[in-house]
Amino acid sequence: RGRLAKSLENFRRILGGSDAEVMTAAMFWRFGAARDTLRLYDRAARPKAGKGQILVRQRASSINHIDCHRRGGYGRNAMRVRGALNFPVVLGNDIAGEVVAVGDGVTRFRPG
């Protein structure tokens, strides 16, 4: 019950937002085969750049080999937040695009 409630809370946060604040995202909710776990959402909430982070408008991205392993459970300890697995997981960390925002403390990048 606790894990399900946390996942639903994350789902509401990720799928909220107006049209100007949404993006398309590939996500999974549990570990397993792609046909059973991987879903594409076209109204996922666009994240904000936090401290030490940048936000990139992706022009191209991929779901690669390591993403497939993560979906299978690889790195599950790194996905824990306060002891619980933090689902859903958004895939596609290999990107090409443009920096649109920088968080506090970022000095090597700027929008554009």
C-alpha atoms as a PDB file:
ATOM      1  CA  ARG A   1       0.000   0.000   0.000  1.00  0.00           C
ATOM      2  CA  GLY A   2       2.774   2.489   0.823  1.00  0.00           C
ATOM      3  CA  ARG A   3       4.677   1.857  -2.413  1.00  0.00           C
ATOM      4  CA  LEU A   4       1.514   2.036  -4.492  1.00  0.00           C
ATOM      5  CA  ALA A   5       0.492   5.336  -2.870  1.00  0.00           C
ATOM      6  CA  LYS A   6       3.964   6.799  -3.558  1.00  0.00           C
ATOM      7  CA  SER A   7       3.838   5.620  -7.199  1.00  0.00           C
ATOM      8  CA  LEU A   8       0.389   7.158  -7.682  1.00  0.00           C
ATOM      9  CA  GLU A   9       1.590  10.433  -6.144  1.00  0.00           C
ATOM     10  CA  ASN A  10       4.554  10.473  -8.557  1.00  0.00           C
ATOM     11  CA  PHE A  11       2.222   9.630 -11.460  1.00  0.00           C
ATOM     12  CA  ARG A  12      -0.071  12.569 -10.643  1.00  0.00           C
ATOM     13  CA  ARG A  13       2.955  14.882 -10.383  1.00  0.00           C
ATOM     14  CA  ILE A  14       4.447  13.632 -13.656  1.00  0.00           C
ATOM     15  CA  LEU A  15       1.201  13.763 -15.649  1.00  0.00           C
ATOM     16  CA  GLY A  16       0.041  17.153 -14.365  1.00  0.00           C
ATOM     17  CA  GLY A  17       0.559  20.548 -16.000  1.00  0.00           C
ATOM     18  CA  SER A  18      -0.814  22.722 -18.781  1.00  0.00           C
ATOM     19  CA  ASP A  19      -0.083  22.163 -22.478  1.00  0.00           C
ATOM     20  CA  ALA A  20       2.914  24.527 -22.262  1.00  0.00           C
ATOM     21  CA  GLU A  21       4.382  22.480 -19.404  1.00  0.00           C
ATOM     22  CA  VAL A  22       4.148  18.957 -20.821  1.00  0.00           C
ATOM     23  CA  MET A  23       6.464  16.619 -22.727  1.00  0.00           C
ATOM     24  CA  THR A  24       6.443  13.097 -24.103  1.00  0.00           C
ATOM     25  CA  ALA A  25       8.161  10.512 -21.888  1.00  0.00           C
ATOM     26  CA  ALA A  26       8.798   6.769 -21.854  1.00  0.00           C
ATOM     27  CA  MET A  27       8.287   5.421 -18.322  1.00  0.00           C
ATOM     28  CA  PHE A  28       8.074   2.192 -16.412  1.00  0.00           C
ATOM     29  CA  TRP A  29       6.247   1.463 -13.158  1.00  0.00           C
ATOM     30  CA  ARG A  30       7.825  -1.826 -12.148  1.00  0.00           C
ATOM     31  CA  PHE A  31      10.637  -4.103 -13.184  1.00  0.00           C
ATOM     32  CA  GLY A  32      10.060  -6.566 -16.007  1.00  0.00           C
ATOM     33  CA  ALA A  33       9.886  -7.096 -19.762  1.00  0.00           C
ATOM     34  CA  ALA A  34       9.264  -4.057 -21.980  1.00  0.00           C
ATOM     35  CA  ARG A  35       5.952  -5.418 -23.261  1.00  0.00           C
ATOM     36  CA  ASP A  36       4.707  -5.610 -19.670  1.00  0.00           C
ATOM     37  CA  THR A  37       6.146  -2.433 -18.160  1.00  0.00           C
ATOM     38  CA  LEU A  38       7.148   0.242 -20.704  1.00  0.00           C
ATOM     39  CA  ARG A  39       4.584   2.937 -21.534  1.00  0.00           C
ATOM     40  CA  LEU A  40       4.742   6.140 -23.579  1.00  0.00           C
ATOM     41  CA  TYR A  41       2.984   9.193 -22.126  1.00  0.00           C
ATOM     42  CA  ASP A  42       2.470  12.285 -24.279  1.00  0.00           C
ATOM     43  CA  ARG A  43       1.366  14.532 -21.387  1.00  0.00           C
ATOM     44  CA  ALA A  44       4.128  14.086 -18.803  1.00  0.00           C
ATOM     45  CA  ALA A  45       4.898  17.204 -16.759  1.00  0.00           C
ATOM     46  CA  ARG A  46       8.066  18.986 -17.877  1.00  0.00           C
ATOM     47  CA  PRO A  47      10.585  19.081 -15.000  1.00  0.00           C
ATOM     48  CA  LYS A  48      12.241  22.219 -13.642  1.00  0.00           C
ATOM     49  CA  ALA A  49      16.001  22.725 -13.335  1.00  0.00           C
ATOM     50  CA  GLY A  50      16.908  22.215  -9.668  1.00  0.00           C
ATOM     51  CA  LYS A  51      20.066  23.209  -7.840  1.00  0.00           C
ATOM     52  CA  GLY A  52      23.095  22.113  -9.872  1.00  0.00           C
ATOM     53  CA  GLN A  53      20.904  20.896 -12.781  1.00  0.00           C
ATOM     54  CA  ILE A  54      20.162  21.969 -16.330  1.00  0.00           C
ATOM     55  CA  LEU A  55      16.964  21.554 -18.331  1.00  0.00           C
ATOM     56  CA  VAL A  56      17.433  20.544 -21.969  1.00  0.00           C
ATOM     57  CA  ARG A  57      14.806  20.737 -24.709  1.00  0.00           C
ATOM     58  CA  GLN A  58      15.450  17.420 -26.368  1.00  0.00           C
ATOM     59  CA  ARG A  59      15.681  17.334 -30.128  1.00  0.00           C
ATOM     60  CA  ALA A  60      16.659  13.656 -30.175  1.00  0.00           C
ATOM     61  CA  SER A  61      16.845  10.968 -27.511  1.00  0.00           C
ATOM     62  CA  SER A  62      17.085   7.240 -27.210  1.00  0.00           C
ATOM     63  CA  ILE A  63      16.317   4.436 -24.870  1.00  0.00           C
ATOM     64  CA  ASN A  64      19.570   2.515 -24.820  1.00  0.00           C
ATOM     65  CA  HIS A  65      20.961  -0.723 -23.474  1.00  0.00           C
ATOM     66  CA  ILE A  66      21.422   0.565 -19.897  1.00  0.00           C
ATOM     67  CA  ASP A  67      17.790   1.789 -19.834  1.00  0.00           C
ATOM     68  CA  CYS A  68      16.720  -1.757 -20.736  1.00  0.00           C
ATOM     69  CA  HIS A  69      18.816  -3.123 -17.889  1.00  0.00           C
ATOM     70  CA  ARG A  70      17.348  -0.543 -15.481  1.00  0.00           C
ATOM     71  CA  ARG A  71      13.853  -1.693 -16.500  1.00  0.00           C
ATOM     72  CA  GLY A  72      14.980  -5.201 -15.573  1.00  0.00           C
ATOM     73  CA  GLY A  73      16.104  -4.084 -12.096  1.00  0.00           C
ATOM     74  CA  TYR A  74      19.739  -3.058 -12.650  1.00  0.00           C
ATOM     75  CA  GLY A  75      20.676  -0.223 -10.280  1.00  0.00           C
ATOM     76  CA  ARG A  76      17.556  -0.558  -8.167  1.00  0.00           C
ATOM     77  CA  ASN A  77      19.452   0.628  -5.076  1.00  0.00           C
ATOM     78  CA  ALA A  78      20.378   3.866  -6.861  1.00  0.00           C
ATOM     79  CA  MET A  79      16.677   4.425  -7.650  1.00  0.00           C
ATOM     80  CA  ARG A  80      15.704   4.421  -3.987  1.00  0.00           C
ATOM     81  CA  VAL A  81      14.492   7.615  -2.328  1.00  0.00           C
ATOM     82  CA  ARG A  82      14.244   7.420   1.458  1.00  0.00           C
ATOM     83  CA  GLY A  83      14.425   3.632   1.243  1.00  0.00           C
ATOM     84  CA  ALA A  84      11.569   3.145  -1.261  1.00  0.00           C
ATOM     85  CA  LEU A  85      11.880   2.658  -5.003  1.00  0.00           C
ATOM     86  CA  ASN A  86      10.918   5.885  -6.761  1.00  0.00           C
ATOM     87  CA  PHE A  87       8.489   4.881  -9.524  1.00  0.00           C
ATOM     88  CA  PRO A  88       7.651   5.755 -12.209  1.00  0.00           C
ATOM     89  CA  VAL A  89      11.096   5.930 -13.834  1.00  0.00           C
ATOM     90  CA  VAL A  90      11.507   8.167 -16.898  1.00  0.00           C
ATOM     91  CA  LEU A  91      13.855   6.665 -19.497  1.00  0.00           C
ATOM     92  CA  GLY A  92      16.034   8.237 -22.178  1.00  0.00           C
ATOM     93  CA  ASN A  93      19.134   9.875 -20.717  1.00  0.00           C
ATOM     94  CA  ASP A  94      21.087   9.985 -23.997  1.00  0.00           C
ATOM     95  CA  ILE A  95      19.994  13.270 -25.550  1.00  0.00           C
ATOM     96  CA  ALA A  96      20.840  15.991 -28.036  1.00  0.00           C
ATOM     97  CA  GLY A  97      19.213  19.363 -27.622  1.00  0.00           C
ATOM     98  CA  GLU A  98      19.321  22.906 -26.328  1.00  0.00           C
ATOM     99  CA  VAL A  99      19.733  24.134 -22.743  1.00  0.00           C
ATOM    100  CA  VAL A 100      16.573  26.087 -21.838  1.00  0.00           C
ATOM    101  CA  ALA A 101      17.108  26.639 -18.096  1.00  0.00           C
ATOM    102  CA  VAL A 102      19.823  26.311 -15.472  1.00  0.00           C
ATOM    103  CA  GLY A 103      19.464  25.787 -11.738  1.00  0.00           C
ATOM    104  CA  ASP A 104      21.252  27.584  -8.928  1.00  0.00           C
ATOM    105  CA  GLY A 105      24.985  26.966  -8.864  1.00  0.00           C
ATOM    106  CA  VAL A 106      25.327  26.035 -12.561  1.00  0.00           C
ATOM    107  CA  THR A 107      28.184  27.989 -14.176  1.00  0.00           C
ATOM    108  CA  ARG A 108      29.337  25.905 -17.180  1.00  0.00           C
ATOM    109  CA  PHE A 109      26.023  26.120 -19.063  1.00  0.00           C
ATOM    110  CA  ARG A 110      23.503  28.805 -19.915  1.00  0.00           C
ATOM    111  CA  PRO A 111      20.247  28.841 -21.870  1.00  0.00           C
ATOM    112  CA  GLY A 112      20.786  28.660 -25.615  1.00  0.00           C
END
